[in-house]
Structure formats: C-alpha cells, structure tokens
C-alpha cells in the first residue's frame, strides 16, 4: 500500500482535481465512489456505460475491481475518468 498524489481529469468538461492523494490499493469502483463523494464532476454515463480510468501514457483500468497499483499509478500521474460502453466504445 502506498499513498500517491495524482491529478484526476474529466476530459469531457476539461475539469481536473490536482493534488489528490489516494491509496494505490483502491479499486476503480472505490476510486469513482471517492471522487463522487468529493464532488468531482464525473462525466455523465448513459445506460450500458461504465467508468474506466485512463492513466495518461500508460494503461487503461476498465475492470471495476482493478486497483490503481495494478495500473502502475505513481505520484504525478494524470488519470482521465471516462465513460465507455460495455465492450469498450465511448
């Protein structure tokens, strides 16, 4: 377990939350819940869509149970929060 400081970004609204400290053992589901509770402007999701986390320049975490650590998240990373159709389409 490590606490990492990252920037979460909503590419739809181009809003960001820089300097966010999170535990790298958090799952995608837990991260989205944390962002929602913190008032981060999540992109809208339509029926059949779900959130994925794109670690800029690295990888995409699309499984709700994937951890930030499994995606290689490090201090200073920019993480885009995007809504995609099940099966990968935005």
PDB file of N, CA and C in Angstrom:
ATOM      1  N   UNK A   1       0.831  -1.185   0.000  1.00  0.00           N
ATOM      2  CA  UNK A   1       0.000   0.000   0.000  1.00  0.00           C
ATOM      3  C   UNK A   1       0.875   1.247   0.000  1.00  0.00           C
ATOM      4  N   UNK A   2       0.515   2.182  -0.858  1.00  0.00           N
ATOM      5  CA  UNK A   2       1.213   3.469  -0.897  1.00  0.00           C
ATOM      6  C   UNK A   2       0.189   4.563  -1.186  1.00  0.00           C
ATOM      7  N   UNK A   3       0.421   5.706  -0.617  1.00  0.00           N
ATOM      8  CA  UNK A   3      -0.405   6.870  -0.927  1.00  0.00           C
ATOM      9  C   UNK A   3       0.273   7.595  -2.082  1.00  0.00           C
ATOM     10  N   UNK A   4      -0.482   7.823  -3.158  1.00  0.00           N
ATOM     11  CA  UNK A   4       0.056   8.515  -4.329  1.00  0.00           C
ATOM     12  C   UNK A   4      -0.727   9.806  -4.538  1.00  0.00           C
ATOM     13  N   UNK A   5      -0.049  10.806  -5.055  1.00  0.00           N
ATOM     14  CA  UNK A   5      -0.685  12.091  -5.348  1.00  0.00           C
ATOM     15  C   UNK A   5      -0.790  12.227  -6.856  1.00  0.00           C
ATOM     16  N   UNK A   6      -2.024  12.318  -7.343  1.00  0.00           N
ATOM     17  CA  UNK A   6      -2.289  12.312  -8.775  1.00  0.00           C
ATOM     18  C   UNK A   6      -3.248  13.443  -9.134  1.00  0.00           C
ATOM     19  N   UNK A   7      -3.463  13.615 -10.428  1.00  0.00           N
ATOM     20  CA  UNK A   7      -4.472  14.539 -10.936  1.00  0.00           C
ATOM     21  C   UNK A   7      -5.542  13.726 -11.630  1.00  0.00           C
ATOM     22  N   UNK A   8      -6.789  13.864 -11.180  1.00  0.00           N
ATOM     23  CA  UNK A   8      -7.917  13.249 -11.868  1.00  0.00           C
ATOM     24  C   UNK A   8      -8.484  14.283 -12.818  1.00  0.00           C
ATOM     25  N   UNK A   9      -8.832  13.845 -14.034  1.00  0.00           N
ATOM     26  CA  UNK A   9      -9.297  14.766 -15.073  1.00  0.00           C
ATOM     27  C   UNK A   9     -10.542  14.212 -15.739  1.00  0.00           C
ATOM     28  N   UNK A  10     -11.524  15.084 -15.945  1.00  0.00           N
ATOM     29  CA  UNK A  10     -12.714  14.761 -16.718  1.00  0.00           C
ATOM     30  C   UNK A  10     -12.495  15.366 -18.098  1.00  0.00           C
ATOM     31  N   UNK A  11     -12.154  14.546 -19.109  1.00  0.00           N
ATOM     32  CA  UNK A  11     -11.856  15.104 -20.430  1.00  0.00           C
ATOM     33  C   UNK A  11     -13.069  15.692 -21.149  1.00  0.00           C
ATOM     34  N   UNK A  12     -14.278  15.363 -20.708  1.00  0.00           N
ATOM     35  CA  UNK A  12     -15.485  15.913 -21.324  1.00  0.00           C
ATOM     36  C   UNK A  12     -15.635  17.381 -20.956  1.00  0.00           C
ATOM     37  N   UNK A  13     -15.485  17.686 -19.667  1.00  0.00           N
ATOM     38  CA  UNK A  13     -15.642  19.065 -19.207  1.00  0.00           C
ATOM     39  C   UNK A  13     -14.304  19.784 -19.057  1.00  0.00           C
ATOM     40  N   UNK A  14     -13.220  19.047 -19.219  1.00  0.00           N
ATOM     41  CA  UNK A  14     -11.859  19.550 -19.059  1.00  0.00           C
ATOM     42  C   UNK A  14     -11.621  20.102 -17.657  1.00  0.00           C
ATOM     43  N   UNK A  15     -12.310  19.529 -16.673  1.00  0.00           N
ATOM     44  CA  UNK A  15     -12.084  19.900 -15.282  1.00  0.00           C
ATOM     45  C   UNK A  15     -11.136  18.887 -14.653  1.00  0.00           C
ATOM     46  N   UNK A  16     -10.349  19.349 -13.696  1.00  0.00           N
ATOM     47  CA  UNK A  16      -9.360  18.471 -13.073  1.00  0.00           C
ATOM     48  C   UNK A  16      -9.295  18.735 -11.573  1.00  0.00           C
ATOM     49  N   UNK A  17      -8.862  17.703 -10.864  1.00  0.00           N
ATOM     50  CA  UNK A  17      -8.602  17.810  -9.428  1.00  0.00           C
ATOM     51  C   UNK A  17      -7.150  17.404  -9.226  1.00  0.00           C
ATOM     52  N   UNK A  18      -6.270  18.397  -9.148  1.00  0.00           N
ATOM     53  CA  UNK A  18      -4.852  18.089  -8.982  1.00  0.00           C
ATOM     54  C   UNK A  18      -4.528  17.966  -7.503  1.00  0.00           C
ATOM     55  N   UNK A  19      -3.458  17.248  -7.224  1.00  0.00           N
ATOM     56  CA  UNK A  19      -3.014  17.081  -5.851  1.00  0.00           C
ATOM     57  C   UNK A  19      -3.901  16.165  -5.031  1.00  0.00           C
ATOM     58  N   UNK A  20      -4.586  15.234  -5.699  1.00  0.00           N
ATOM     59  CA  UNK A  20      -5.444  14.281  -4.994  1.00  0.00           C
ATOM     60  C   UNK A  20      -4.604  13.129  -4.461  1.00  0.00           C
ATOM     61  N   UNK A  21      -4.657  12.923  -3.158  1.00  0.00           N
ATOM     62  CA  UNK A  21      -3.920  11.821  -2.541  1.00  0.00           C
ATOM     63  C   UNK A  21      -4.856  10.636  -2.350  1.00  0.00           C
ATOM     64  N   UNK A  22      -4.470   9.494  -2.932  1.00  0.00           N
ATOM     65  CA  UNK A  22      -5.277   8.281  -2.856  1.00  0.00           C
ATOM     66  C   UNK A  22      -4.388   7.084  -2.558  1.00  0.00           C
ATOM     67  N   UNK A  23      -4.991   6.065  -2.005  1.00  0.00           N
ATOM     68  CA  UNK A  23      -4.315   4.807  -1.713  1.00  0.00           C
ATOM     69  C   UNK A  23      -4.247   3.997  -3.004  1.00  0.00           C
ATOM     70  N   UNK A  24      -3.075   3.517  -3.367  1.00  0.00           N
ATOM     71  CA  UNK A  24      -2.958   2.799  -4.641  1.00  0.00           C
ATOM     72  C   UNK A  24      -3.601   1.416  -4.620  1.00  0.00           C
ATOM     73  N   UNK A  25      -4.102   0.971  -3.465  1.00  0.00           N
ATOM     74  CA  UNK A  25      -4.818  -0.306  -3.423  1.00  0.00           C
ATOM     75  C   UNK A  25      -6.316  -0.125  -3.674  1.00  0.00           C
ATOM     76  N   UNK A  26      -6.752   1.127  -3.877  1.00  0.00           N
ATOM     77  CA  UNK A  26      -8.158   1.373  -4.194  1.00  0.00           C
ATOM     78  C   UNK A  26      -8.494   0.785  -5.559  1.00  0.00           C
ATOM     79  N   UNK A  27      -9.703   0.235  -5.662  1.00  0.00           N
ATOM     80  CA  UNK A  27     -10.174  -0.286  -6.939  1.00  0.00           C
ATOM     81  C   UNK A  27     -10.769   0.849  -7.771  1.00  0.00           C
ATOM     82  N   UNK A  28     -11.038   0.562  -9.027  1.00  0.00           N
ATOM     83  CA  UNK A  28     -11.700   1.548  -9.883  1.00  0.00           C
ATOM     84  C   UNK A  28     -13.031   1.948  -9.247  1.00  0.00           C
ATOM     85  N   UNK A  29     -13.801   0.974  -8.790  1.00  0.00           N
ATOM     86  CA  UNK A  29     -15.098   1.250  -8.165  1.00  0.00           C
ATOM     87  C   UNK A  29     -14.940   2.161  -6.952  1.00  0.00           C
ATOM     88  N   UNK A  30     -13.980   1.865  -6.089  1.00  0.00           N
ATOM     89  CA  UNK A  30     -13.742   2.684  -4.897  1.00  0.00           C
ATOM     90  C   UNK A  30     -13.270   4.084  -5.261  1.00  0.00           C
ATOM     91  N   UNK A  31     -12.450   4.184  -6.297  1.00  0.00           N
ATOM     92  CA  UNK A  31     -11.940   5.483  -6.738  1.00  0.00           C
ATOM     93  C   UNK A  31     -13.068   6.358  -7.269  1.00  0.00           C
ATOM     94  N   UNK A  32     -13.950   5.780  -8.075  1.00  0.00           N
ATOM     95  CA  UNK A  32     -15.091   6.527  -8.616  1.00  0.00           C
ATOM     96  C   UNK A  32     -16.002   6.978  -7.476  1.00  0.00           C
ATOM     97  N   UNK A  33     -16.239   6.094  -6.510  1.00  0.00           N
ATOM     98  CA  UNK A  33     -17.070   6.448  -5.356  1.00  0.00           C
ATOM     99  C   UNK A  33     -16.429   7.595  -4.567  1.00  0.00           C
ATOM    100  N   UNK A  34     -15.117   7.516  -4.354  1.00  0.00           N
ATOM    101  CA  UNK A  34     -14.380   8.572  -3.644  1.00  0.00           C
ATOM    102  C   UNK A  34     -14.496   9.903  -4.385  1.00  0.00           C
ATOM    103  N   UNK A  35     -14.313   9.878  -5.706  1.00  0.00           N
ATOM    104  CA  UNK A  35     -14.408  11.102  -6.497  1.00  0.00           C
ATOM    105  C   UNK A  35     -15.817  11.693  -6.424  1.00  0.00           C
ATOM    106  N   UNK A  36     -16.821  10.843  -6.530  1.00  0.00           N
ATOM    107  CA  UNK A  36     -18.207  11.293  -6.470  1.00  0.00           C
ATOM    108  C   UNK A  36     -18.506  11.945  -5.121  1.00  0.00           C
ATOM    109  N   UNK A  37     -18.080  11.306  -4.043  1.00  0.00           N
ATOM    110  CA  UNK A  37     -18.321  11.843  -2.706  1.00  0.00           C
ATOM    111  C   UNK A  37     -17.553  13.143  -2.457  1.00  0.00           C
ATOM    112  N   UNK A  38     -16.447  13.311  -3.173  1.00  0.00           N
ATOM    113  CA  UNK A  38     -15.634  14.518  -3.021  1.00  0.00           C
ATOM    114  C   UNK A  38     -16.128  15.675  -3.884  1.00  0.00           C
ATOM    115  N   UNK A  39     -17.167  15.425  -4.683  1.00  0.00           N
ATOM    116  CA  UNK A  39     -17.724  16.477  -5.527  1.00  0.00           C
ATOM    117  C   UNK A  39     -17.034  16.639  -6.871  1.00  0.00           C
ATOM    118  N   UNK A  40     -16.192  15.674  -7.256  1.00  0.00           N
ATOM    119  CA  UNK A  40     -15.530  15.744  -8.564  1.00  0.00           C
ATOM    120  C   UNK A  40     -16.586  15.618  -9.656  1.00  0.00           C
ATOM    121  N   UNK A  41     -16.525  16.471 -10.692  1.00  0.00           N
ATOM    122  CA  UNK A  41     -17.524  16.442 -11.761  1.00  0.00           C
ATOM    123  C   UNK A  41     -17.303  15.257 -12.714  1.00  0.00           C
ATOM    124  N   UNK A  42     -17.892  14.117 -12.369  1.00  0.00           N
ATOM    125  CA  UNK A  42     -17.754  12.928 -13.217  1.00  0.00           C
ATOM    126  C   UNK A  42     -18.479  13.137 -14.536  1.00  0.00           C
ATOM    127  N   UNK A  43     -17.952  12.551 -15.615  1.00  0.00           N
ATOM    128  CA  UNK A  43     -18.675  12.648 -16.890  1.00  0.00           C
ATOM    129  C   UNK A  43     -20.001  11.878 -16.779  1.00  0.00           C
ATOM    130  N   UNK A  44     -21.019  12.300 -17.511  1.00  0.00           N
ATOM    131  CA  UNK A  44     -22.300  11.589 -17.449  1.00  0.00           C
ATOM    132  C   UNK A  44     -22.172  10.185 -18.047  1.00  0.00           C
ATOM    133  N   UNK A  45     -22.940   9.264 -17.493  1.00  0.00           N
ATOM    134  CA  UNK A  45     -22.982   7.908 -18.042  1.00  0.00           C
ATOM    135  C   UNK A  45     -24.386   7.607 -18.528  1.00  0.00           C
ATOM    136  N   UNK A  46     -24.472   6.984 -19.686  1.00  0.00           N
ATOM    137  CA  UNK A  46     -25.755   6.578 -20.254  1.00  0.00           C
ATOM    138  C   UNK A  46     -25.988   5.105 -19.918  1.00  0.00           C
ATOM    139  N   UNK A  47     -27.172   4.639 -20.214  1.00  0.00           N
ATOM    140  CA  UNK A  47     -27.490   3.230 -19.993  1.00  0.00           C
ATOM    141  C   UNK A  47     -26.465   2.358 -20.710  1.00  0.00           C
ATOM    142  N   UNK A  48     -25.948   1.363 -20.014  1.00  0.00           N
ATOM    143  CA  UNK A  48     -24.983   0.440 -20.608  1.00  0.00           C
ATOM    144  C   UNK A  48     -23.545   0.917 -20.545  1.00  0.00           C
ATOM    145  N   UNK A  49     -23.306   2.106 -19.994  1.00  0.00           N
ATOM    146  CA  UNK A  49     -21.946   2.618 -19.871  1.00  0.00           C
ATOM    147  C   UNK A  49     -21.433   2.432 -18.451  1.00  0.00           C
ATOM    148  N   UNK A  50     -20.118   2.476 -18.328  1.00  0.00           N
ATOM    149  CA  UNK A  50     -19.474   2.437 -17.014  1.00  0.00           C
ATOM    150  C   UNK A  50     -18.214   3.285 -17.085  1.00  0.00           C
ATOM    151  N   UNK A  51     -17.634   3.554 -15.928  1.00  0.00           N
ATOM    152  CA  UNK A  51     -16.431   4.372 -15.876  1.00  0.00           C
ATOM    153  C   UNK A  51     -15.175   3.517 -16.007  1.00  0.00           C
ATOM    154  N   UNK A  52     -14.186   4.061 -16.696  1.00  0.00           N
ATOM    155  CA  UNK A  52     -12.839   3.492 -16.721  1.00  0.00           C
ATOM    156  C   UNK A  52     -11.868   4.611 -16.365  1.00  0.00           C
ATOM    157  N   UNK A  53     -10.718   4.218 -15.887  1.00  0.00           N
ATOM    158  CA  UNK A  53      -9.654   5.171 -15.564  1.00  0.00           C
ATOM    159  C   UNK A  53      -8.527   4.978 -16.563  1.00  0.00           C
ATOM    160  N   UNK A  54      -8.163   6.040 -17.249  1.00  0.00           N
ATOM    161  CA  UNK A  54      -7.054   6.013 -18.201  1.00  0.00           C
ATOM    162  C   UNK A  54      -5.858   6.705 -17.565  1.00  0.00           C
ATOM    163  N   UNK A  55      -4.822   5.935 -17.306  1.00  0.00           N
ATOM    164  CA  UNK A  55      -3.611   6.518 -16.735  1.00  0.00           C
ATOM    165  C   UNK A  55      -2.800   7.030 -17.917  1.00  0.00           C
ATOM    166  N   UNK A  56      -2.724   8.351 -18.017  1.00  0.00           N
ATOM    167  CA  UNK A  56      -2.139   9.007 -19.186  1.00  0.00           C
ATOM    168  C   UNK A  56      -0.748   8.461 -19.512  1.00  0.00           C
ATOM    169  N   UNK A  57      -0.608   7.981 -20.734  1.00  0.00           N
ATOM    170  CA  UNK A  57       0.677   7.488 -21.204  1.00  0.00           C
ATOM    171  C   UNK A  57       1.013   6.080 -20.740  1.00  0.00           C
ATOM    172  N   UNK A  58       0.074   5.418 -20.036  1.00  0.00           N
ATOM    173  CA  UNK A  58       0.387   4.089 -19.508  1.00  0.00           C
ATOM    174  C   UNK A  58      -0.632   3.037 -19.911  1.00  0.00           C
ATOM    175  N   UNK A  59      -1.780   3.069 -19.290  1.00  0.00           N
ATOM    176  CA  UNK A  59      -2.739   1.977 -19.448  1.00  0.00           C
ATOM    177  C   UNK A  59      -4.151   2.446 -19.156  1.00  0.00           C
ATOM    178  N   UNK A  60      -5.087   1.539 -19.314  1.00  0.00           N
ATOM    179  CA  UNK A  60      -6.481   1.806 -19.002  1.00  0.00           C
ATOM    180  C   UNK A  60      -6.952   0.758 -18.001  1.00  0.00           C
ATOM    181  N   UNK A  61      -7.597   1.204 -16.945  1.00  0.00           N
ATOM    182  CA  UNK A  61      -8.183   0.292 -15.965  1.00  0.00           C
ATOM    183  C   UNK A  61      -9.676   0.229 -16.231  1.00  0.00           C
ATOM    184  N   UNK A  62     -10.151  -0.897 -16.776  1.00  0.00           N
ATOM    185  CA  UNK A  62     -11.558  -0.989 -17.152  1.00  0.00           C
ATOM    186  C   UNK A  62     -12.354  -1.927 -16.253  1.00  0.00           C
ATOM    187  N   UNK A  63     -11.693  -2.770 -15.490  1.00  0.00           N
ATOM    188  CA  UNK A  63     -12.394  -3.657 -14.563  1.00  0.00           C
ATOM    189  C   UNK A  63     -12.680  -2.909 -13.262  1.00  0.00           C
ATOM    190  N   UNK A  64     -13.913  -3.011 -12.777  1.00  0.00           N
ATOM    191  CA  UNK A  64     -14.281  -2.335 -11.535  1.00  0.00           C
ATOM    192  C   UNK A  64     -13.395  -2.748 -10.365  1.00  0.00           C
ATOM    193  N   UNK A  65     -12.839  -3.958 -10.428  1.00  0.00           N
ATOM    194  CA  UNK A  65     -12.034  -4.478  -9.327  1.00  0.00           C
ATOM    195  C   UNK A  65     -10.531  -4.269  -9.511  1.00  0.00           C
ATOM    196  N   UNK A  66     -10.113  -3.685 -10.629  1.00  0.00           N
ATOM    197  CA  UNK A  66      -8.688  -3.406 -10.845  1.00  0.00           C
ATOM    198  C   UNK A  66      -8.237  -2.313  -9.875  1.00  0.00           C
ATOM    199  N   UNK A  67      -7.029  -2.448  -9.345  1.00  0.00           N
ATOM    200  CA  UNK A  67      -6.516  -1.438  -8.418  1.00  0.00           C
ATOM    201  C   UNK A  67      -5.647  -0.428  -9.164  1.00  0.00           C
ATOM    202  N   UNK A  68      -5.483   0.729  -8.553  1.00  0.00           N
ATOM    203  CA  UNK A  68      -4.592   1.741  -9.120  1.00  0.00           C
ATOM    204  C   UNK A  68      -3.177   1.177  -9.222  1.00  0.00           C
ATOM    205  N   UNK A  69      -2.778   0.416  -8.225  1.00  0.00           N
ATOM    206  CA  UNK A  69      -1.443  -0.196  -8.217  1.00  0.00           C
ATOM    207  C   UNK A  69      -1.257  -1.125  -9.419  1.00  0.00           C
ATOM    208  N   UNK A  70      -2.289  -1.905  -9.754  1.00  0.00           N
ATOM    209  CA  UNK A  70      -2.182  -2.829 -10.894  1.00  0.00           C
ATOM    210  C   UNK A  70      -2.009  -2.082 -12.210  1.00  0.00           C
ATOM    211  N   UNK A  71      -2.452  -0.822 -12.248  1.00  0.00           N
ATOM    212  CA  UNK A  71      -2.280   0.004 -13.440  1.00  0.00           C
ATOM    213  C   UNK A  71      -0.977   0.779 -13.439  1.00  0.00           C
ATOM    214  N   UNK A  72      -0.176   0.578 -12.396  1.00  0.00           N
ATOM    215  CA  UNK A  72       1.123   1.247 -12.328  1.00  0.00           C
ATOM    216  C   UNK A  72       1.052   2.718 -11.956  1.00  0.00           C
ATOM    217  N   UNK A  73      -0.002   3.131 -11.262  1.00  0.00           N
ATOM    218  CA  UNK A  73      -0.164   4.534 -10.889  1.00  0.00           C
ATOM    219  C   UNK A  73       0.959   4.969  -9.952  1.00  0.00           C
ATOM    220  N   UNK A  74       1.555   6.108 -10.279  1.00  0.00           N
ATOM    221  CA  UNK A  74       2.658   6.689  -9.493  1.00  0.00           C
ATOM    222  C   UNK A  74       2.351   8.153  -9.202  1.00  0.00           C
ATOM    223  N   UNK A  75       3.089   8.731  -8.249  1.00  0.00           N
ATOM    224  CA  UNK A  75       2.965  10.157  -7.949  1.00  0.00           C
ATOM    225  C   UNK A  75       3.093  10.976  -9.227  1.00  0.00           C
ATOM    226  N   UNK A  76       2.221  11.961  -9.368  1.00  0.00           N
ATOM    227  CA  UNK A  76       2.289  12.873 -10.505  1.00  0.00           C
ATOM    228  C   UNK A  76       1.512  12.429 -11.731  1.00  0.00           C
ATOM    229  N   UNK A  77       0.972  11.206 -11.724  1.00  0.00           N
ATOM    230  CA  UNK A  77       0.219  10.737 -12.888  1.00  0.00           C
ATOM    231  C   UNK A  77      -1.059  11.539 -13.086  1.00  0.00           C
ATOM    232  N   UNK A  78      -1.480  11.636 -14.350  1.00  0.00           N
ATOM    233  CA  UNK A  78      -2.770  12.224 -14.712  1.00  0.00           C
ATOM    234  C   UNK A  78      -3.683  11.064 -15.085  1.00  0.00           C
ATOM    235  N   UNK A  79      -4.850  11.017 -14.434  1.00  0.00           N
ATOM    236  CA  UNK A  79      -5.796   9.926 -14.662  1.00  0.00           C
ATOM    237  C   UNK A  79      -7.087  10.506 -15.220  1.00  0.00           C
ATOM    238  N   UNK A  80      -7.402  10.140 -16.457  1.00  0.00           N
ATOM    239  CA  UNK A  80      -8.656  10.569 -17.075  1.00  0.00           C
ATOM    240  C   UNK A  80      -9.776   9.634 -16.635  1.00  0.00           C
ATOM    241  N   UNK A  81     -10.894  10.228 -16.236  1.00  0.00           N
ATOM    242  CA  UNK A  81     -12.083   9.464 -15.859  1.00  0.00           C
ATOM    243  C   UNK A  81     -13.044   9.555 -17.039  1.00  0.00           C
ATOM    244  N   UNK A  82     -13.298   8.421 -17.696  1.00  0.00           N
ATOM    245  CA  UNK A  82     -14.134   8.434 -18.898  1.00  0.00           C
ATOM    246  C   UNK A  82     -15.257   7.408 -18.780  1.00  0.00           C
ATOM    247  N   UNK A  83     -16.348   7.685 -19.473  1.00  0.00           N
ATOM    248  CA  UNK A  83     -17.476   6.763 -19.540  1.00  0.00           C
ATOM    249  C   UNK A  83     -17.400   6.019 -20.869  1.00  0.00           C
ATOM    250  N   UNK A  84     -17.499   4.702 -20.813  1.00  0.00           N
ATOM    251  CA  UNK A  84     -17.448   3.893 -22.021  1.00  0.00           C
ATOM    252  C   UNK A  84     -18.586   2.888 -22.021  1.00  0.00           C
ATOM    253  N   UNK A  85     -18.945   2.455 -23.217  1.00  0.00           N
ATOM    254  CA  UNK A  85     -19.940   1.410 -23.393  1.00  0.00           C
ATOM    255  C   UNK A  85     -19.299   0.096 -22.987  1.00  0.00           C
ATOM    256  N   UNK A  86     -20.037  -0.786 -22.370  1.00  0.00           N
ATOM    257  CA  UNK A  86     -19.508  -2.129 -22.088  1.00  0.00           C
ATOM    258  C   UNK A  86     -19.009  -2.683 -23.409  1.00  0.00           C
ATOM    259  N   UNK A  87     -17.813  -3.173 -23.435  1.00  0.00           N
ATOM    260  CA  UNK A  87     -17.213  -3.634 -24.673  1.00  0.00           C
ATOM    261  C   UNK A  87     -16.216  -2.622 -25.227  1.00  0.00           C
ATOM    262  N   UNK A  88     -16.091  -1.447 -24.586  1.00  0.00           N
ATOM    263  CA  UNK A  88     -15.036  -0.516 -24.908  1.00  0.00           C
ATOM    264  C   UNK A  88     -15.373   0.717 -25.700  1.00  0.00           C
ATOM    265  N   UNK A  89     -16.596   0.857 -26.238  1.00  0.00           N
ATOM    266  CA  UNK A  89     -16.911   2.037 -27.042  1.00  0.00           C
ATOM    267  C   UNK A  89     -17.298   3.217 -26.170  1.00  0.00           C
ATOM    268  N   UNK A  90     -16.780   4.416 -26.525  1.00  0.00           N
ATOM    269  CA  UNK A  90     -17.145   5.641 -25.803  1.00  0.00           C
ATOM    270  C   UNK A  90     -18.441   6.185 -26.305  1.00  0.00           C
TER     271      UNK A  90
END
